[in-house]
Every structure is written in structure tokens, then in C-alpha cells.
Protein backbone atom coordinates (compact mmCIF):
# COMPACT_ATOMS: atom_id res chain seq x y z
CA UNK A 1 73.19 93.43 106.85
CA UNK A 2 70.65 94.17 103.95
CA UNK A 3 71.19 94.99 100.29
CA UNK A 4 68.30 96.68 100.03
CA UNK A 5 68.64 100.50 99.27
CA UNK A 6 66.58 103.30 100.70
CA UNK A 7 67.13 106.81 101.72
CA UNK A 8 64.57 107.61 104.44
CA UNK A 9 65.61 107.58 108.19
CA UNK A 10 64.15 104.74 110.08
CA UNK A 11 61.57 106.06 112.61
CA UNK A 12 62.56 103.27 115.18
CA UNK A 13 65.36 101.11 115.69
CA UNK A 14 65.25 97.27 115.85
CA UNK A 15 64.53 96.05 119.01
CA UNK A 16 67.82 94.11 119.45
CA UNK A 17 69.71 97.30 118.80
CA UNK A 18 67.53 99.38 121.10
CA UNK A 19 68.30 96.81 124.09
CA UNK A 20 71.97 97.32 123.33
CA UNK A 21 71.63 100.97 123.19
CA UNK A 22 69.60 100.77 126.43
CA UNK A 23 72.48 98.57 128.34
CA UNK A 24 75.13 101.10 127.24
CA UNK A 25 73.44 104.03 128.17
CA UNK A 26 72.87 102.38 132.02
CA UNK A 27 76.34 101.73 131.89
CA UNK A 28 77.56 105.06 130.96
CA UNK A 29 75.45 106.61 133.76
CA UNK A 30 76.63 104.25 136.43
CA UNK A 31 80.24 105.03 135.29
CA UNK A 32 79.79 108.70 135.37
CA UNK A 33 77.28 108.67 138.38
CA UNK A 34 74.89 110.74 136.25
CA UNK A 35 71.29 110.79 136.86
CA UNK A 36 68.82 110.14 134.10
CA UNK A 37 67.32 113.60 134.46
CA UNK A 38 70.86 115.14 133.69
CA UNK A 39 71.35 113.12 130.82
CA UNK A 40 67.59 114.01 129.38
CA UNK A 41 68.50 117.55 129.76
CA UNK A 42 71.84 117.39 128.15
CA UNK A 43 70.46 115.34 125.12
CA UNK A 44 67.35 117.78 124.97
CA UNK A 45 65.01 115.05 125.36
CA UNK A 46 62.15 114.53 127.81
CA UNK A 47 62.83 112.25 130.74
CA UNK A 48 59.69 110.13 129.91
CA UNK A 49 61.18 109.40 126.47
CA UNK A 50 64.39 108.20 128.10
CA UNK A 51 62.68 106.17 130.84
CA UNK A 52 60.41 104.40 128.40
CA UNK A 53 63.39 103.59 126.11
CA UNK A 54 65.47 102.43 128.90
CA UNK A 55 62.65 100.32 130.27
CA UNK A 56 61.97 98.52 127.05
CA UNK A 57 58.58 100.05 126.53
CA UNK A 58 59.11 101.74 123.53
CA UNK A 59 62.29 101.43 121.07
CA UNK A 60 64.89 104.14 120.70
CA UNK A 61 64.77 106.15 117.53
CA UNK A 62 67.74 107.10 115.56
CA UNK A 63 67.01 111.01 116.37
CA UNK A 64 67.03 110.15 120.20
CA UNK A 65 70.01 107.92 119.74
CA UNK A 66 72.12 110.57 118.19
CA UNK A 67 71.15 113.08 120.77
CA UNK A 68 72.11 110.83 123.49
CA UNK A 69 75.55 109.94 121.61
CA UNK A 70 76.27 113.65 121.41
CA UNK A 71 75.48 114.11 125.29
CA UNK A 72 77.67 111.38 126.54
CA UNK A 73 80.27 111.82 123.88
CA UNK A 74 80.28 108.17 123.12
CA UNK A 75 78.92 105.82 120.30
CA UNK A 76 75.93 103.72 121.19
CA UNK A 77 74.77 102.40 118.02
CA UNK A 78 76.52 98.95 116.88
CA UNK A 79 78.96 99.85 114.30
CA UNK A 80 80.53 97.76 111.58
CA UNK A 81 83.83 96.34 112.65
CA UNK A 82 86.62 98.69 112.41
CA UNK A 83 88.73 98.39 109.27
CA UNK A 84 92.07 96.79 110.27
CA UNK A 85 95.37 98.70 110.25
CA UNK A 86 97.72 97.06 107.84
CA UNK A 87 101.22 95.91 109.27
CA UNK A 88 104.43 94.95 107.43
CA UNK A 89 104.16 91.39 108.35
CA UNK A 90 100.79 90.96 106.64
CA UNK A 91 100.34 89.86 103.11
CA UNK A 92 100.37 92.72 100.70
CA UNK A 93 99.16 91.08 97.50
CA UNK A 94 95.48 90.83 96.77
CA UNK A 95 93.97 87.64 95.60
CA UNK A 96 93.62 86.92 91.75
CA UNK A 97 89.82 87.29 91.80
CA UNK A 98 90.15 90.92 92.81
CA UNK A 99 92.79 92.05 90.36
CA UNK A 100 96.11 90.78 92.13
CA UNK A 101 97.02 94.17 93.08
CA UNK A 102 99.47 95.09 95.67
CA UNK A 103 98.88 97.39 98.57
CA UNK A 104 101.39 99.91 97.19
CA UNK A 105 99.82 99.97 93.66
CA UNK A 106 96.30 100.86 95.16
CA UNK A 107 97.37 103.33 98.05
CA UNK A 108 96.13 106.10 96.20
CA UNK A 109 92.45 104.94 96.59
CA UNK A 110 92.45 104.60 100.22
CA UNK A 111 90.39 107.35 102.35
CA UNK A 112 87.09 108.76 102.75
CA UNK A 113 84.80 109.90 100.18
CA UNK A 114 81.50 112.03 99.90
CA UNK A 115 79.48 109.81 97.89
CA UNK A 116 76.52 111.27 95.61
CA UNK A 117 73.68 109.25 93.98
CA UNK A 118 70.02 110.20 93.07
CA UNK A 119 67.63 109.77 95.62
CA UNK A 120 65.30 106.68 95.47
CA UNK A 121 62.82 108.23 97.95
CA UNK A 122 62.40 111.70 96.62
CA UNK A 123 62.48 112.63 92.75
CA UNK A 124 64.96 115.43 91.82
CA UNK A 125 66.91 114.88 95.19
CA UNK A 126 70.37 113.86 95.91
CA UNK A 127 71.36 111.11 98.31
CA UNK A 128 74.58 112.00 99.95
CA UNK A 129 76.76 109.71 102.35
CA UNK A 130 80.12 108.65 102.99
CA UNK A 131 82.39 105.86 101.75
CA UNK A 132 85.52 104.76 103.36
CA UNK A 133 88.02 102.66 101.57
CA UNK A 134 91.08 101.01 103.43
CA UNK A 135 93.52 98.17 103.31
CA UNK A 136 92.54 95.05 104.92
CA UNK A 137 95.75 93.16 106.05
CA UNK A 138 94.13 90.10 107.32
CA UNK A 139 92.46 89.32 103.96
CA UNK A 140 95.13 91.19 101.89
CA UNK A 141 92.68 93.57 99.78
CA UNK A 142 91.15 96.90 99.81
CA UNK A 143 87.76 96.91 101.56
CA UNK A 144 85.01 99.52 101.61
CA UNK A 145 82.28 100.48 104.11
CA UNK A 146 79.74 103.27 103.97
CA UNK A 147 78.94 105.49 107.07
CA UNK A 148 76.90 108.94 107.58
CA UNK A 149 73.57 107.39 105.84
CA UNK A 150 70.34 108.94 106.53
CA UNK A 151 69.13 105.10 106.46
CA UNK A 152 71.93 103.66 108.58
CA UNK A 153 70.43 100.05 108.73
CA UNK A 154 71.00 99.72 104.78
CA UNK A 155 74.93 100.95 104.87
CA UNK A 156 76.92 98.62 103.18
CA UNK A 157 80.46 97.08 103.14
CA UNK A 158 82.45 94.81 100.88
CA UNK A 159 85.58 94.42 98.76
CA UNK A 160 87.36 96.60 96.38
CA UNK A 161 88.37 94.83 93.05
CA UNK A 162 90.94 96.51 90.64
CA UNK A 163 91.56 94.58 87.78
CA UNK A 164 94.15 95.85 85.08
CA UNK A 165 91.88 94.61 82.00
CA UNK A 166 89.15 96.76 82.40
CA UNK A 167 90.55 99.96 83.91
CA UNK A 168 87.72 100.03 86.36
CA UNK A 169 87.06 99.80 90.05
CA UNK A 170 84.53 97.57 91.51
CA UNK A 171 83.00 98.12 94.79
CA UNK A 172 81.55 94.53 95.56
CA UNK A 173 79.02 93.41 98.38
CA UNK A 174 77.99 89.75 98.32
CA UNK A 175 75.37 89.11 100.99
CA UNK A 176 74.25 85.45 101.04
CA UNK A 177 74.39 85.34 97.39
CA UNK A 178 72.99 88.81 97.03
CA UNK A 179 75.23 91.15 94.83
CA UNK A 180 75.35 94.81 94.80
CA UNK A 181 77.67 96.35 92.37
CA UNK A 182 79.47 100.12 91.89
CA UNK A 183 81.52 100.17 88.82
CA UNK A 184 83.72 103.29 88.84
CA UNK A 185 86.38 104.77 86.34
CA UNK A 186 89.72 105.46 87.59
CA UNK A 187 90.20 108.61 89.66
CA UNK A 188 90.65 111.95 87.84
CA UNK A 189 93.27 114.34 88.80
CA UNK A 190 91.25 115.75 91.69
CA UNK A 191 90.66 112.00 93.04
CA UNK A 192 87.07 111.89 91.94
CA UNK A 193 85.61 108.71 90.80
CA UNK A 194 82.47 108.55 88.54
CA UNK A 195 80.29 105.34 87.59
CA UNK A 196 77.18 103.47 88.10
CA UNK A 197 75.46 101.55 91.01
CA UNK A 198 73.50 98.61 90.36
CA UNK A 199 71.47 97.73 93.39
CA UNK A 200 67.96 96.74 94.72
CA UNK A 201 65.60 99.45 96.26
CA UNK A 202 62.51 99.03 98.47
CA UNK A 203 59.31 99.96 96.36
CA UNK A 204 55.83 99.75 97.63
CA UNK A 205 55.21 97.26 100.44
CA UNK A 206 57.65 94.46 100.21
CA UNK A 207 58.56 94.86 96.61
CA UNK A 208 62.29 95.07 95.71
CA UNK A 209 63.23 96.17 92.38
CA UNK A 210 66.49 96.22 90.51
CA UNK A 211 67.96 99.76 89.92
CA UNK A 212 70.91 101.12 88.14
CA UNK A 213 71.96 104.88 88.82
CA UNK A 214 74.76 107.38 88.46
CA UNK A 215 77.24 107.40 91.09
CA UNK A 216 80.18 109.91 92.41
CA UNK A 217 82.62 109.48 94.89
CA UNK A 218 84.62 112.76 95.85
CA UNK A 219 87.65 112.78 98.34
CA UNK A 220 86.48 114.47 101.48
CA UNK A 221 90.04 116.00 101.61
CA UNK A 222 89.01 117.94 98.42
CA UNK A 223 87.35 121.50 98.01
CA UNK A 224 83.91 120.32 99.50
CA UNK A 225 85.28 118.71 102.41
CA UNK A 226 84.57 121.60 104.83
CA UNK A 227 80.91 122.02 103.74
CA UNK A 228 80.05 118.17 103.16
CA UNK A 229 76.51 117.51 103.86
CA UNK A 230 75.49 113.93 104.47
CA UNK A 231 71.73 113.78 104.05
CA UNK A 232 68.94 113.98 101.09
CA UNK A 233 70.15 117.25 99.27
CA UNK A 234 67.20 119.24 97.64
CA UNK A 235 67.07 122.28 95.55
CA UNK A 236 67.60 125.42 97.55
CA UNK A 237 70.34 123.91 99.72
CA UNK A 238 73.62 125.87 99.27
CA UNK A 239 75.52 122.66 98.39
CA UNK A 240 73.06 121.34 95.88
CA UNK A 241 74.37 122.99 92.85
CA UNK A 242 77.70 121.78 93.36
CA UNK A 243 76.65 118.16 94.01
CA UNK A 244 74.35 118.35 91.17
CA UNK A 245 77.32 119.40 88.87
CA UNK A 246 79.25 116.49 90.19
CA UNK A 247 76.63 113.97 89.61
CA UNK A 248 75.75 115.09 86.33
CA UNK A 249 79.46 114.46 85.03
CA UNK A 250 78.79 110.70 85.17
CA UNK A 251 76.78 111.12 82.14
CA UNK A 252 78.26 114.48 80.43
CA UNK A 253 81.79 112.93 80.55
CA UNK A 254 80.60 109.44 79.60
CA UNK A 255 82.00 107.54 82.46
CA UNK A 256 78.85 105.55 82.20
CA UNK A 257 76.33 105.21 79.24
CA UNK A 258 72.65 104.57 79.92
CA UNK A 259 71.37 103.67 76.51
CA UNK A 260 67.79 104.90 75.72
CA UNK A 261 67.71 107.26 78.64
CA UNK A 262 68.18 110.94 77.44
CA UNK A 263 69.40 112.55 74.43
CA UNK A 264 72.42 111.43 72.32
CA UNK A 265 72.10 107.66 73.14
CA UNK A 266 71.88 105.07 70.53
């Protein structure tokens, strides 16, 4: 996992992941007694592309992998470990460093959220992906993970801290001493959470730059669920005005303050 933020698709998947996908495809073909040509036709890719990827002569691309997943009806990419299902026998009290909350007290936070922030890769665009929050019975705390990101290799996961003192909710990623932090206000009556994301993003070449940006989490079960778009959202797309209004609420309703950035600041 990397803490670096990006919002552009990876053209080619890493070599190790490509090998794992090739093994999974070969196994699926053998189990189903399906020819490579039939799979290529179902996935709407050329047989040459499939043969080269399976033989290791070229890596799989994200687009090719998604088409193969749809054709086979099974996931091929390595996914983060599934969030554990809580059981009555497991601990139900989070450690003090995460707020000493009980599972019952934070149950209202669990679920899937449409997540919005400004795009780092295209001025004026909005980057949309999914955040899932669930109770981890083994560690007795809320955890989160990201999914449906255009830049899948940069998806984040971590722990949810809910201290009583600040009244804020923290999504914390700690990867080898590097931190990425989202600070969110308590949910509105509609279950929306607004706040700020502090992270690193990939600049030119190997340059990594600290960044702080508005962040909005909207429950998928809400009014936007049916038309949720997980991608880079640009002007002219049907969902853009609604997503823009949600993201603008971070500043307009003062869920976060950005001193010196815009009118009305001290």
C-alpha cells in the first residue's frame, strides 16, 4: 500500500499482480473448460492481447482486467482482506487511543460512502470513490477501506478514531510511519460527513507534496446512491452539479476552515 494520492488510471498493472491475474485466468479457463478465444470474445479483447498477457510477454492493464472480470464473473485483482464480521463473543470496546468507544455507540457510522474530493490530476474536476466503514471484531475498533478508485493501487485503509473531546471523526492510515489523515465532522441528519483530508500527492517525477483538501462522505443508501459515479467527475456530467454542491458545503457550512484561501478568511 502507498500513502501517495493520485487520481489517474495505471496504464499497466505491476508485474507481480499481472502474474497472479494470469494464474487466476488460466485456472478459471481450466475449471470451465473454456477456450482462450471464447474468453477473449466475451471480454471484448483481442486474442493476441490475452495470449501475450497470459504468457507474460506484456502486463495486464486495468481496463483489460476489468473486462476479464466481467466476462468470468469473478474478481481477478488482489483485494484488501475482507472486513471481518463481528460476533457477540468478540471484544466490543475500542482501545483508549481510538476513543474508547463501544461497537453499539458507533454503529451509525458503518456502511458504504460515496467519497468526494477535488481532483489532484485535473483542475476543476472532482475525484469520486467509495469508502467502507465496518467494525473489526478482532481488533475491537472501526476500520475503513477505500474501493472503486480510478487509481486502484493508491486505495487506502486504516482505523477510525472517534474521541468524545473533539466531536470529530478521524480516518487514520499509518504505513511504515507515514500518516494520512481525514478529519470529519459528525454526520448530518442525512448521514453525510464533511471535513478535510491531509495527505501526499504525486507531483512531477518522483516529487511528493503535502496536500490538504476538502472531503465529503455521502451514504450510498442516500438519494445519490442510484446514480453514484466512481471516477473523475468533470463539468458537463449529469452528476457534477450535485457533487459540486456537496463538496462546496465543506467551506460554506464551515465544516473545515482554510485560512487565507478565499473570501471571508482571517
